[in-house]
């Protein structure tokens, strides 16, 4: 158990919270303009980026076009993508890929033509997904870590958990940080603070996300007064391995891109009756189709079958998936894989512009933490690493100018624990963790209804108050900090789902099955309640 005490002040130009592709790449670029403190609440390589299998989407092939990638993104985004943002990010794709290659990422090449081996995934009209077998994210993460560790202007703080952002005069000036090694509360003062904390999959009981994905950046930004947008769009990945001993293991969409088919409990293919693109339909459609099949049949899972492909090809193209499934007793070259949908990606987040700027001075949000309008109501496969890298690049350019402006360095008061005592009810904290996550998967899942959302809203209100009382009564611990954050994000998701009176993209409400003619973003800011939340 870690209990908090007080520590000294640390000062820097840029405080970066999170070490996925966005946090690492931003730190590298920003270090040319000032001193960077890079924080992660786990080890340096623990991030959602490390678990990304599919790859990064970019227009590399002469048979493809930037306009095609833009239109695919907007179409899959269910009419809610911000076109200017999509154009900016996608047009920078080729340059970002070139930079990653220069950093040492060895994307797979086609032996026949000495060009990149481009994968196909759902929603894309062309092969445009660059990959390193089925462990692309890990290779990108490792390449960036190697560069960051050599940069003298970057100081890395592993096992440091941000608790709250520090604001003064309506500007974020750093954060209070729990040092998990010592139990001390460190004070980090910075001219610019960048949230790159990833997503919030752990708000739900079933997710492909790593344990660190507890919505910390979104919750902290909201408490600091930043606007939050489109959190109702929670993307469920259609194919997570269904196995009692291996949890949260994603079966990449790239398998379907290479010909894998989805089979029902009866062994029959079913996706062709839901969409003309069958297994390569957008993720929201595939996930809802599987959910419907499971409800109709009462089965626990469906199956993904790639056994019709050459066994050597499967083992070579998907080595990590092959080995993991083999440990589970499944030879994917010979038999289908049991799969279910699970929460995968937050399409909204902290409202930010194309440079990562939020509506709170001094605060930036990049990567999955941000809500830029790029993904709209449903993310196009393999656009996440692309967005993370481009936003990091854009933000690094923006802060280079921002830091030239006069910024008054303030005094940060010590962390005040008040009358907090050591927590003596750990079992209650554990119970609340489970209750929040079960509530979300049961009432705010793939298919929603008004009654379920009202039940969720009423219950999360009571839970959030109980958690807040724990937060103020007891000395903080990592579990308590994360519990507070997932409750905050859960409440925001529910409120935004109630605000959206339609079905669009990853948000489907049976009581509002149609799509409104004019798409609008949902936005919540602390102190400003959503309208018609009754």
Protein backbone atom coordinates (compact mmCIF):
# COMPACT_ATOMS: atom_id res chain seq x y z
CA UNK A 1 0.00 0.00 0.00
CA UNK A 2 1.19 3.50 -0.87
CA UNK A 3 0.17 6.35 1.44
CA UNK A 4 0.95 9.93 0.64
CA UNK A 5 3.30 12.32 2.45
CA UNK A 6 4.75 15.64 1.32
CA UNK A 7 7.73 16.27 -0.93
CA UNK A 8 9.65 19.01 -2.74
CA UNK A 9 8.86 21.14 -5.78
CA UNK A 10 10.07 20.26 -9.30
CA UNK A 11 10.04 22.85 -12.08
CA UNK A 12 10.13 22.45 -15.87
CA UNK A 13 8.96 24.06 -19.09
CA UNK A 14 6.82 21.12 -20.24
CA UNK A 15 5.11 18.60 -18.00
CA UNK A 16 4.00 15.59 -20.06
CA UNK A 17 1.72 13.02 -18.43
CA UNK A 18 1.64 9.71 -20.32
CA UNK A 19 4.16 7.67 -22.30
CA UNK A 20 2.32 6.29 -25.32
CA UNK A 21 3.08 7.45 -28.86
CA UNK A 22 1.73 10.97 -28.16
CA UNK A 23 3.59 11.59 -24.92
CA UNK A 24 6.89 10.18 -26.14
CA UNK A 25 6.88 11.90 -29.52
CA UNK A 26 5.80 15.24 -28.06
CA UNK A 27 8.53 15.02 -25.42
CA UNK A 28 11.18 14.39 -28.07
CA UNK A 29 10.10 17.36 -30.16
CA UNK A 30 9.40 19.75 -27.26
CA UNK A 31 12.79 19.00 -25.69
CA UNK A 32 14.32 21.15 -28.45
CA UNK A 33 12.54 24.15 -26.91
CA UNK A 34 12.76 23.56 -23.17
CA UNK A 35 13.08 21.23 -20.22
CA UNK A 36 10.64 18.28 -20.22
CA UNK A 37 9.42 16.26 -17.24
CA UNK A 38 7.84 13.05 -18.55
CA UNK A 39 5.56 11.17 -16.14
CA UNK A 40 4.02 7.71 -16.22
CA UNK A 41 2.13 6.01 -13.42
CA UNK A 42 3.58 2.65 -14.43
CA UNK A 43 6.77 1.64 -16.24
CA UNK A 44 7.86 3.65 -19.28
CA UNK A 45 6.64 1.07 -21.81
CA UNK A 46 3.26 0.47 -20.14
CA UNK A 47 0.80 2.11 -22.52
CA UNK A 48 -2.03 1.33 -24.88
CA UNK A 49 0.39 2.03 -27.74
CA UNK A 50 2.46 -0.98 -26.72
CA UNK A 51 -0.59 -3.21 -27.17
CA UNK A 52 -1.61 -1.88 -30.59
CA UNK A 53 -1.51 -4.78 -33.03
CA UNK A 54 -2.93 -3.60 -36.34
CA UNK A 55 -0.78 -0.68 -37.39
CA UNK A 56 -0.88 2.93 -38.51
CA UNK A 57 -3.02 4.08 -41.42
CA UNK A 58 -1.35 6.37 -43.97
CA UNK A 59 -1.46 6.91 -47.71
CA UNK A 60 1.70 5.33 -49.08
CA UNK A 61 0.53 3.36 -52.10
CA UNK A 62 0.25 5.00 -55.53
CA UNK A 63 -3.09 3.22 -55.88
CA UNK A 64 -4.43 5.10 -52.85
CA UNK A 65 -5.12 8.79 -52.31
CA UNK A 66 -5.30 11.27 -49.46
CA UNK A 67 -8.82 12.21 -50.49
CA UNK A 68 -9.87 8.55 -50.27
CA UNK A 69 -8.46 8.22 -46.75
CA UNK A 70 -10.19 11.44 -45.71
CA UNK A 71 -13.54 10.30 -47.09
CA UNK A 72 -13.22 6.86 -45.46
CA UNK A 73 -12.54 8.55 -42.11
CA UNK A 74 -15.54 10.86 -42.44
CA UNK A 75 -17.87 8.09 -43.64
CA UNK A 76 -16.94 5.73 -40.81
CA UNK A 77 -17.13 8.67 -38.36
CA UNK A 78 -20.87 8.75 -39.01
CA UNK A 79 -21.00 12.34 -40.22
CA UNK A 80 -19.52 13.82 -37.04
CA UNK A 81 -15.87 14.16 -38.08
CA UNK A 82 -14.48 17.67 -38.34
CA UNK A 83 -13.32 17.76 -41.95
CA UNK A 84 -10.57 20.33 -41.39
CA UNK A 85 -9.10 18.17 -38.62
CA UNK A 86 -9.32 15.00 -40.72
CA UNK A 87 -7.60 16.72 -43.64
CA UNK A 88 -4.80 18.09 -41.45
CA UNK A 89 -4.04 14.76 -39.77
CA UNK A 90 -4.33 12.54 -42.84
CA UNK A 91 -2.26 14.81 -45.08
CA UNK A 92 0.58 14.59 -42.55
CA UNK A 93 0.42 10.79 -42.48
CA UNK A 94 3.16 10.04 -45.05
CA UNK A 95 5.62 12.42 -43.33
CA UNK A 96 4.89 10.85 -39.92
CA UNK A 97 5.54 7.38 -41.31
CA UNK A 98 8.84 8.56 -42.76
CA UNK A 99 9.82 10.01 -39.39
CA UNK A 100 8.96 6.78 -37.56
CA UNK A 101 11.09 4.83 -40.02
CA UNK A 102 13.97 7.23 -39.34
CA UNK A 103 13.48 6.54 -35.61
CA UNK A 104 14.00 2.84 -36.32
CA UNK A 105 10.51 1.39 -36.80
CA UNK A 106 10.91 -1.41 -39.35
CA UNK A 107 7.50 -1.62 -41.00
CA UNK A 108 7.03 -4.87 -42.90
CA UNK A 109 7.82 -4.83 -46.61
CA UNK A 110 6.47 -6.86 -49.51
CA UNK A 111 9.19 -9.27 -50.60
CA UNK A 112 7.91 -9.21 -54.18
CA UNK A 113 8.12 -5.48 -54.87
CA UNK A 114 10.39 -3.87 -52.25
CA UNK A 115 7.50 -1.73 -50.97
CA UNK A 116 5.67 -1.60 -47.68
CA UNK A 117 3.32 -4.51 -47.03
CA UNK A 118 0.06 -2.64 -46.49
CA UNK A 119 -2.76 -4.25 -44.54
CA UNK A 120 -6.51 -3.98 -45.10
CA UNK A 121 -8.93 -3.27 -42.25
CA UNK A 122 -12.62 -2.54 -41.82
CA UNK A 123 -13.93 0.71 -43.25
CA UNK A 124 -10.93 1.32 -45.53
CA UNK A 125 -11.35 1.42 -49.30
CA UNK A 126 -7.65 0.63 -49.93
CA UNK A 127 -4.79 -1.25 -48.32
CA UNK A 128 -3.06 1.48 -46.29
CA UNK A 129 -2.19 0.05 -42.87
CA UNK A 130 1.55 -0.10 -42.22
CA UNK A 131 2.44 -2.74 -39.67
CA UNK A 132 5.21 -4.69 -38.01
CA UNK A 133 3.65 -8.18 -38.11
CA UNK A 134 0.96 -7.95 -35.39
CA UNK A 135 2.99 -6.02 -32.81
CA UNK A 136 3.27 -2.60 -34.46
CA UNK A 137 2.57 -0.55 -31.35
CA UNK A 138 5.25 -2.27 -29.30
CA UNK A 139 7.86 -1.59 -31.99
CA UNK A 140 6.87 2.07 -32.22
CA UNK A 141 6.89 2.40 -28.43
CA UNK A 142 10.35 0.81 -28.12
CA UNK A 143 11.81 2.97 -30.88
CA UNK A 144 10.54 6.17 -29.26
CA UNK A 145 11.66 5.11 -25.79
CA UNK A 146 15.18 4.52 -27.11
CA UNK A 147 15.23 8.10 -28.46
CA UNK A 148 13.70 9.65 -25.32
CA UNK A 149 16.19 7.94 -23.01
CA UNK A 150 19.08 9.51 -24.93
CA UNK A 151 17.68 13.06 -24.75
CA UNK A 152 19.37 15.02 -21.97
CA UNK A 153 16.61 17.63 -21.83
CA UNK A 154 14.00 15.02 -20.84
CA UNK A 155 13.76 13.76 -17.25
CA UNK A 156 11.68 10.59 -16.89
CA UNK A 157 9.59 9.84 -13.80
CA UNK A 158 8.26 6.29 -13.77
CA UNK A 159 5.65 5.20 -11.20
CA UNK A 160 4.46 8.77 -10.70
CA UNK A 161 0.68 9.20 -10.75
CA UNK A 162 -0.83 12.61 -11.41
CA UNK A 163 -3.59 13.30 -8.87
CA UNK A 164 -4.85 16.78 -9.73
CA UNK A 165 -3.84 19.57 -12.06
CA UNK A 166 -2.74 22.79 -10.35
CA UNK A 167 -4.49 25.91 -11.61
CA UNK A 168 -3.93 29.54 -10.76
CA UNK A 169 -5.50 32.59 -12.39
CA UNK A 170 -7.46 30.29 -14.75
CA UNK A 171 -4.24 28.71 -16.05
CA UNK A 172 -2.89 25.20 -15.50
CA UNK A 173 0.60 25.48 -14.05
CA UNK A 174 1.48 21.86 -13.31
CA UNK A 175 0.18 19.01 -11.19
CA UNK A 176 0.24 17.33 -7.82
CA UNK A 177 1.78 13.91 -8.35
CA UNK A 178 1.83 10.80 -6.16
CA UNK A 179 5.27 9.17 -6.20
CA UNK A 180 4.44 5.47 -5.96
CA UNK A 181 8.02 4.67 -4.97
CA UNK A 182 8.01 6.82 -1.82
CA UNK A 183 4.37 7.64 -1.15
CA UNK A 184 5.15 11.36 -1.32
CA UNK A 185 3.09 14.01 -3.09
CA UNK A 186 5.42 15.81 -5.48
CA UNK A 187 4.66 19.29 -6.81
CA UNK A 188 5.46 19.67 -10.51
CA UNK A 189 5.33 23.28 -11.74
CA UNK A 190 5.34 23.79 -15.51
CA UNK A 191 4.70 26.49 -18.06
CA UNK A 192 2.86 24.02 -20.30
CA UNK A 193 1.09 20.82 -19.18
CA UNK A 194 0.31 18.09 -21.73
CA UNK A 195 -2.16 15.29 -21.07
CA UNK A 196 -1.29 12.15 -23.04
CA UNK A 197 -2.81 9.65 -20.63
CA UNK A 198 -4.65 7.53 -23.19
CA UNK A 199 -8.20 6.26 -22.94
CA UNK A 200 -10.68 5.06 -20.37
CA UNK A 201 -11.44 1.42 -21.17
CA UNK A 202 -11.18 0.40 -17.52
CA UNK A 203 -14.32 2.38 -16.78
CA UNK A 204 -16.02 -0.74 -18.21
CA UNK A 205 -15.74 -4.29 -16.92
CA UNK A 206 -14.74 -5.82 -20.26
CA UNK A 207 -12.09 -4.04 -22.33
CA UNK A 208 -9.06 -4.57 -24.53
CA UNK A 209 -7.28 -1.74 -22.72
CA UNK A 210 -4.37 -2.15 -20.30
CA UNK A 211 -4.96 -1.65 -16.56
CA UNK A 212 -3.60 1.91 -16.73
CA UNK A 213 -6.48 3.14 -18.95
CA UNK A 214 -8.62 4.71 -16.24
CA UNK A 215 -9.46 8.04 -17.88
CA UNK A 216 -7.08 10.00 -15.64
CA UNK A 217 -6.41 12.82 -18.10
CA UNK A 218 -10.07 13.32 -18.95
CA UNK A 219 -11.08 13.41 -15.27
CA UNK A 220 -8.28 15.78 -14.25
CA UNK A 221 -8.98 18.12 -17.16
CA UNK A 222 -12.68 18.21 -16.30
CA UNK A 223 -11.93 19.07 -12.66
CA UNK A 224 -9.62 21.84 -13.88
CA UNK A 225 -12.42 23.40 -15.93
CA UNK A 226 -11.73 22.04 -19.41
CA UNK A 227 -14.57 21.14 -21.76
CA UNK A 228 -15.19 17.45 -22.47
CA UNK A 229 -16.77 16.32 -25.74
CA UNK A 230 -18.43 13.28 -27.34
CA UNK A 231 -17.67 10.75 -24.59
CA UNK A 232 -20.82 8.81 -25.44
CA UNK A 233 -18.97 7.40 -28.44
CA UNK A 234 -17.27 4.40 -26.86
CA UNK A 235 -15.99 2.08 -29.56
CA UNK A 236 -16.31 -1.64 -28.91
CA UNK A 237 -13.75 -3.78 -30.70
CA UNK A 238 -15.66 -6.73 -32.20
CA UNK A 239 -13.08 -9.43 -31.50
CA UNK A 240 -11.52 -9.90 -28.07
CA UNK A 241 -10.35 -13.41 -27.19
CA UNK A 242 -12.99 -15.20 -25.12
CA UNK A 243 -11.02 -17.32 -22.66
CA UNK A 244 -11.26 -17.74 -18.86
CA UNK A 245 -7.52 -17.38 -18.21
CA UNK A 246 -6.44 -14.79 -20.79
CA UNK A 247 -8.26 -11.47 -20.41
CA UNK A 248 -8.21 -8.34 -22.52
CA UNK A 249 -6.34 -9.92 -25.44
CA UNK A 250 -7.35 -8.31 -28.70
CA UNK A 251 -7.62 -10.28 -31.94
CA UNK A 252 -6.60 -7.72 -34.53
CA UNK A 253 -8.95 -6.49 -37.22
CA UNK A 254 -6.10 -7.27 -39.60
CA UNK A 255 -7.16 -10.94 -39.49
CA UNK A 256 -10.46 -9.97 -41.10
CA UNK A 257 -8.51 -7.84 -43.53
CA UNK A 258 -6.63 -10.98 -44.58
CA UNK A 259 -9.77 -13.06 -45.05
CA UNK A 260 -10.90 -14.24 -41.60
CA UNK A 261 -14.67 -14.69 -41.29
CA UNK A 262 -17.05 -14.49 -38.34
CA UNK A 263 -19.08 -17.59 -37.53
CA UNK A 264 -22.08 -17.97 -35.24
CA UNK A 265 -22.43 -20.70 -32.61
CA UNK A 266 -23.86 -22.90 -35.38
CA UNK A 267 -20.70 -22.51 -37.43
CA UNK A 268 -22.43 -20.40 -40.10
CA UNK A 269 -21.17 -17.06 -41.38
CA UNK A 270 -23.52 -14.18 -40.46
CA UNK A 271 -21.99 -10.76 -41.23
CA UNK A 272 -23.21 -10.70 -44.84
CA UNK A 273 -26.79 -10.23 -43.60
CA UNK A 274 -25.82 -7.10 -41.64
CA UNK A 275 -23.68 -5.12 -44.11
CA UNK A 276 -22.52 -5.28 -47.71
CA UNK A 277 -18.89 -5.25 -46.58
CA UNK A 278 -19.54 -8.15 -44.19
CA UNK A 279 -16.51 -8.63 -41.87
CA UNK A 280 -14.92 -5.43 -43.20
CA UNK A 281 -17.81 -3.20 -42.20
CA UNK A 282 -17.05 -0.39 -39.73
CA UNK A 283 -16.43 -1.55 -36.16
CA UNK A 284 -19.67 -0.22 -34.70
CA UNK A 285 -21.70 -2.28 -37.17
CA UNK A 286 -19.68 -5.46 -36.62
CA UNK A 287 -19.82 -5.11 -32.83
CA UNK A 288 -23.61 -4.59 -32.85
CA UNK A 289 -24.05 -7.54 -35.22
CA UNK A 290 -22.13 -9.84 -32.86
CA UNK A 291 -24.06 -8.47 -29.88
CA UNK A 292 -27.31 -9.23 -31.69
CA UNK A 293 -26.21 -12.77 -32.59
CA UNK A 294 -25.28 -13.45 -28.97
CA UNK A 295 -28.62 -12.17 -27.68
CA UNK A 296 -30.59 -14.15 -30.26
CA UNK A 297 -28.77 -17.43 -29.64
CA UNK A 298 -27.96 -17.08 -25.94
CA UNK A 299 -24.36 -18.07 -26.71
CA UNK A 300 -21.36 -16.71 -24.79
CA UNK A 301 -19.28 -16.01 -27.88
CA UNK A 302 -19.00 -16.19 -31.65
CA UNK A 303 -15.97 -17.39 -33.63
CA UNK A 304 -13.38 -15.82 -35.92
CA UNK A 305 -11.97 -18.26 -38.47
CA UNK A 306 -8.80 -17.75 -40.51
CA UNK A 307 -8.02 -21.47 -40.92
CA UNK A 308 -8.72 -21.31 -44.66
CA UNK A 309 -5.51 -19.32 -45.15
CA UNK A 310 -2.10 -20.96 -45.56
CA UNK A 311 -0.79 -21.96 -42.12
CA UNK A 312 2.72 -20.61 -42.75
CA UNK A 313 1.25 -17.25 -43.80
CA UNK A 314 -0.88 -17.04 -40.64
CA UNK A 315 2.03 -17.87 -38.34
CA UNK A 316 4.30 -15.37 -40.08
CA UNK A 317 1.79 -12.52 -40.35
CA UNK A 318 0.29 -12.90 -36.86
CA UNK A 319 2.99 -14.39 -34.62
CA UNK A 320 1.84 -12.80 -31.34
CA UNK A 321 -1.79 -13.77 -31.86
CA UNK A 322 -0.82 -17.27 -32.96
CA UNK A 323 1.39 -17.86 -29.90
CA UNK A 324 -1.09 -16.39 -27.42
CA UNK A 325 -3.97 -18.46 -28.78
CA UNK A 326 -1.77 -21.55 -28.82
CA UNK A 327 -1.12 -21.07 -25.09
CA UNK A 328 -4.88 -21.02 -24.69
CA UNK A 329 -5.13 -24.34 -26.51
CA UNK A 330 -6.30 -22.86 -29.83
CA UNK A 331 -4.37 -23.44 -33.06
CA UNK A 332 -5.71 -20.64 -35.25
CA UNK A 333 -4.30 -22.29 -38.38
CA UNK A 334 -6.72 -25.20 -37.83
CA UNK A 335 -9.67 -23.98 -35.73
CA UNK A 336 -11.74 -20.85 -35.14
CA UNK A 337 -11.04 -18.40 -32.31
CA UNK A 338 -13.77 -17.73 -29.71
CA UNK A 339 -14.33 -13.96 -29.57
CA UNK A 340 -16.63 -11.32 -28.03
CA UNK A 341 -16.85 -7.53 -28.35
CA UNK A 342 -15.32 -5.36 -25.63
CA UNK A 343 -14.65 -1.66 -25.01
CA UNK A 344 -11.66 -0.55 -27.05
CA UNK A 345 -11.46 3.19 -27.72
CA UNK A 346 -12.86 6.53 -26.58
CA UNK A 347 -13.71 8.55 -29.69
CA UNK A 348 -14.23 11.78 -27.72
CA UNK A 349 -12.26 13.26 -24.83
CA UNK A 350 -10.88 16.59 -23.66
CA UNK A 351 -12.02 19.16 -26.23
CA UNK A 352 -8.94 20.27 -28.14
CA UNK A 353 -8.03 21.91 -31.44
CA UNK A 354 -5.75 20.51 -34.12
CA UNK A 355 -2.72 21.60 -32.08
CA UNK A 356 -3.94 19.95 -28.88
CA UNK A 357 -4.91 23.22 -27.20
CA UNK A 358 -7.78 22.96 -24.74
CA UNK A 359 -9.99 25.81 -23.56
CA UNK A 360 -7.92 26.13 -20.37
CA UNK A 361 -4.75 28.19 -20.70
CA UNK A 362 -1.53 26.21 -20.38
CA UNK A 363 -3.24 22.84 -20.90
CA UNK A 364 -2.90 20.59 -23.95
CA UNK A 365 -4.50 17.20 -24.64
CA UNK A 366 -3.19 14.82 -27.31
CA UNK A 367 -3.81 11.25 -28.42
CA UNK A 368 -6.81 9.29 -27.14
CA UNK A 369 -7.19 11.71 -24.23
CA UNK A 370 -8.23 14.44 -26.65
CA UNK A 371 -11.47 15.05 -28.48
CA UNK A 372 -10.49 16.86 -31.65
CA UNK A 373 -13.35 15.74 -33.88
CA UNK A 374 -11.03 13.55 -35.96
CA UNK A 375 -12.82 10.29 -35.19
CA UNK A 376 -16.36 11.66 -35.13
CA UNK A 377 -18.81 9.07 -33.85
CA UNK A 378 -16.72 6.01 -34.67
CA UNK A 379 -12.97 5.64 -35.25
CA UNK A 380 -11.67 4.25 -38.53
CA UNK A 381 -9.35 1.31 -37.87
CA UNK A 382 -5.65 2.19 -37.35
CA UNK A 383 -6.30 5.93 -37.33
CA UNK A 384 -5.44 6.15 -33.62
CA UNK A 385 -1.65 5.90 -33.85
CA UNK A 386 -1.81 8.35 -36.76
CA UNK A 387 -3.75 10.91 -34.72
CA UNK A 388 -1.50 10.44 -31.71
CA UNK A 389 1.65 11.09 -33.72
CA UNK A 390 0.31 14.06 -35.71
CA UNK A 391 -1.17 15.78 -32.64
CA UNK A 392 2.16 15.37 -30.84
CA UNK A 393 3.90 16.99 -33.80
CA UNK A 394 1.38 19.83 -34.09
CA UNK A 395 1.41 20.51 -30.36
CA UNK A 396 5.21 20.63 -30.27
CA UNK A 397 5.17 23.38 -32.89
CA UNK A 398 2.44 25.28 -31.08
CA UNK A 399 4.16 25.19 -27.67
CA UNK A 400 7.42 26.37 -29.21
CA UNK A 401 5.63 29.65 -29.90
CA UNK A 402 3.48 29.63 -26.76
CA UNK A 403 6.44 29.31 -24.43
CA UNK A 404 7.96 32.49 -25.89
CA UNK A 405 5.10 34.46 -24.36
CA UNK A 406 5.66 35.82 -20.84
CA UNK A 407 4.36 33.23 -18.36
CA UNK A 408 4.48 34.11 -14.69
CA UNK A 409 5.96 31.25 -12.67
CA UNK A 410 3.84 30.93 -9.55
CA UNK A 411 4.31 29.46 -6.12
CA UNK A 412 2.54 26.15 -5.75
CA UNK A 413 1.15 25.54 -2.26
CA UNK A 414 1.96 22.24 -0.55
CA UNK A 415 -0.49 19.40 -0.88
CA UNK A 416 -3.02 19.72 1.92
CA UNK A 417 -4.18 16.33 3.22
CA UNK A 418 -6.54 18.00 5.69
CA UNK A 419 -7.68 15.55 8.35
CA UNK A 420 -7.32 12.52 6.10
CA UNK A 421 -6.39 9.25 7.76
CA UNK A 422 -5.03 5.98 6.41
CA UNK A 423 -7.83 4.11 4.63
CA UNK A 424 -9.24 1.30 6.72
CA UNK A 425 -11.90 0.06 4.30
CA UNK A 426 -9.97 -1.25 1.31
CA UNK A 427 -12.67 -3.81 0.62
CA UNK A 428 -15.17 -0.98 0.06
CA UNK A 429 -12.87 0.68 -2.48
CA UNK A 430 -12.51 -2.65 -4.28
CA UNK A 431 -16.27 -3.14 -4.23
CA UNK A 432 -16.90 0.33 -5.69
CA UNK A 433 -14.38 -0.34 -8.45
CA UNK A 434 -16.35 -3.43 -9.43
CA UNK A 435 -19.73 -1.72 -9.09
CA UNK A 436 -18.86 1.20 -11.38
CA UNK A 437 -17.48 -1.08 -14.09
CA UNK A 438 -20.38 -3.55 -13.96
CA UNK A 439 -22.89 -0.70 -14.03
CA UNK A 440 -21.28 0.69 -17.19
CA UNK A 441 -21.17 -2.60 -19.09
CA UNK A 442 -24.74 -3.51 -18.11
CA UNK A 443 -26.44 -0.16 -18.70
CA UNK A 444 -24.16 1.81 -21.05
CA UNK A 445 -23.01 -0.93 -23.41
CA UNK A 446 -23.18 -1.56 -27.16
CA UNK A 447 -26.98 -1.08 -27.28
CA UNK A 448 -28.54 1.49 -24.94
CA UNK A 449 -32.04 2.52 -23.89
CA UNK A 450 -33.41 5.51 -22.00
CA UNK A 451 -34.41 3.36 -19.03
CA UNK A 452 -30.94 1.85 -18.74
CA UNK A 453 -29.29 5.24 -18.99
CA UNK A 454 -31.58 6.71 -16.33
CA UNK A 455 -30.78 3.82 -13.99
CA UNK A 456 -27.08 4.32 -14.68
CA UNK A 457 -27.34 8.07 -14.09
CA UNK A 458 -29.16 7.65 -10.78
CA UNK A 459 -26.79 4.99 -9.49
CA UNK A 460 -23.54 6.66 -10.57
CA UNK A 461 -24.62 9.81 -8.75
CA UNK A 462 -24.76 7.99 -5.42
CA UNK A 463 -21.52 6.11 -6.11
CA UNK A 464 -19.62 9.26 -7.11
CA UNK A 465 -20.65 11.01 -3.88
CA UNK A 466 -19.49 8.04 -1.83
CA UNK A 467 -16.15 7.94 -3.65
CA UNK A 468 -15.64 11.68 -3.21
CA UNK A 469 -16.20 11.27 0.52
CA UNK A 470 -13.57 8.52 0.60
CA UNK A 471 -11.20 10.81 -1.32
CA UNK A 472 -11.44 13.58 1.28
CA UNK A 473 -11.56 11.34 4.36
CA UNK A 474 -8.57 9.13 3.61
CA UNK A 475 -4.94 9.57 2.62
CA UNK A 476 -4.85 8.92 -1.10
CA UNK A 477 -3.75 5.63 -2.61
CA UNK A 478 -3.34 4.67 -6.29
CA UNK A 479 -6.58 2.65 -6.22
CA UNK A 480 -8.50 5.55 -4.73
CA UNK A 481 -7.15 8.04 -7.29
CA UNK A 482 -8.09 5.75 -10.18
CA UNK A 483 -11.49 4.94 -8.65
CA UNK A 484 -12.28 8.64 -8.40
CA UNK A 485 -11.28 9.11 -12.05
CA UNK A 486 -13.29 6.21 -13.47
CA UNK A 487 -16.37 7.41 -11.56
CA UNK A 488 -15.96 10.92 -12.98
CA UNK A 489 -15.56 9.62 -16.54
CA UNK A 490 -18.46 7.18 -16.12
CA UNK A 491 -20.70 10.04 -15.02
CA UNK A 492 -19.64 12.13 -18.04
CA UNK A 493 -20.26 9.24 -20.46
CA UNK A 494 -23.75 8.69 -19.05
CA UNK A 495 -24.64 12.39 -19.15
CA UNK A 496 -23.50 12.73 -22.77
CA UNK A 497 -25.33 9.55 -23.78
CA UNK A 498 -28.47 11.11 -22.28
CA UNK A 499 -27.84 14.33 -24.20
CA UNK A 500 -27.69 12.62 -27.60
CA UNK A 501 -31.25 12.07 -28.81
CA UNK A 502 -30.31 9.91 -31.80
CA UNK A 503 -28.31 6.84 -32.81
CA UNK A 504 -25.05 7.60 -34.57
CA UNK A 505 -21.80 5.69 -34.93
CA UNK A 506 -20.78 3.90 -31.74
CA UNK A 507 -23.77 5.33 -29.82
CA UNK A 508 -26.95 3.32 -30.42
CA UNK A 509 -30.10 4.02 -28.41
CA UNK A 510 -33.16 1.87 -29.15
CA UNK A 511 -35.44 4.72 -28.10
CA UNK A 512 -33.83 7.03 -30.66
CA UNK A 513 -32.95 4.66 -33.54
CA UNK A 514 -32.73 7.34 -36.24
CA UNK A 515 -29.94 9.76 -37.04
CA UNK A 516 -30.64 13.49 -36.81
CA UNK A 517 -30.16 15.48 -40.00
CA UNK A 518 -27.72 17.96 -38.45
CA UNK A 519 -24.87 16.40 -36.45
CA UNK A 520 -23.72 18.20 -33.32
CA UNK A 521 -21.01 17.55 -30.75
CA UNK A 522 -21.96 17.01 -27.13
CA UNK A 523 -19.97 19.21 -24.74
CA UNK A 524 -19.90 19.36 -20.94
CA UNK A 525 -17.93 21.83 -18.84
CA UNK A 526 -17.67 21.67 -15.05
CA UNK A 527 -20.41 23.69 -13.43
CA UNK A 528 -22.52 23.75 -16.59
CA UNK A 529 -25.09 20.95 -16.46
CA UNK A 530 -26.29 19.29 -19.68
CA UNK A 531 -29.75 20.33 -20.77
CA UNK A 532 -32.73 17.98 -20.55
CA UNK A 533 -30.91 15.46 -18.36
CA UNK A 534 -34.02 14.14 -16.70
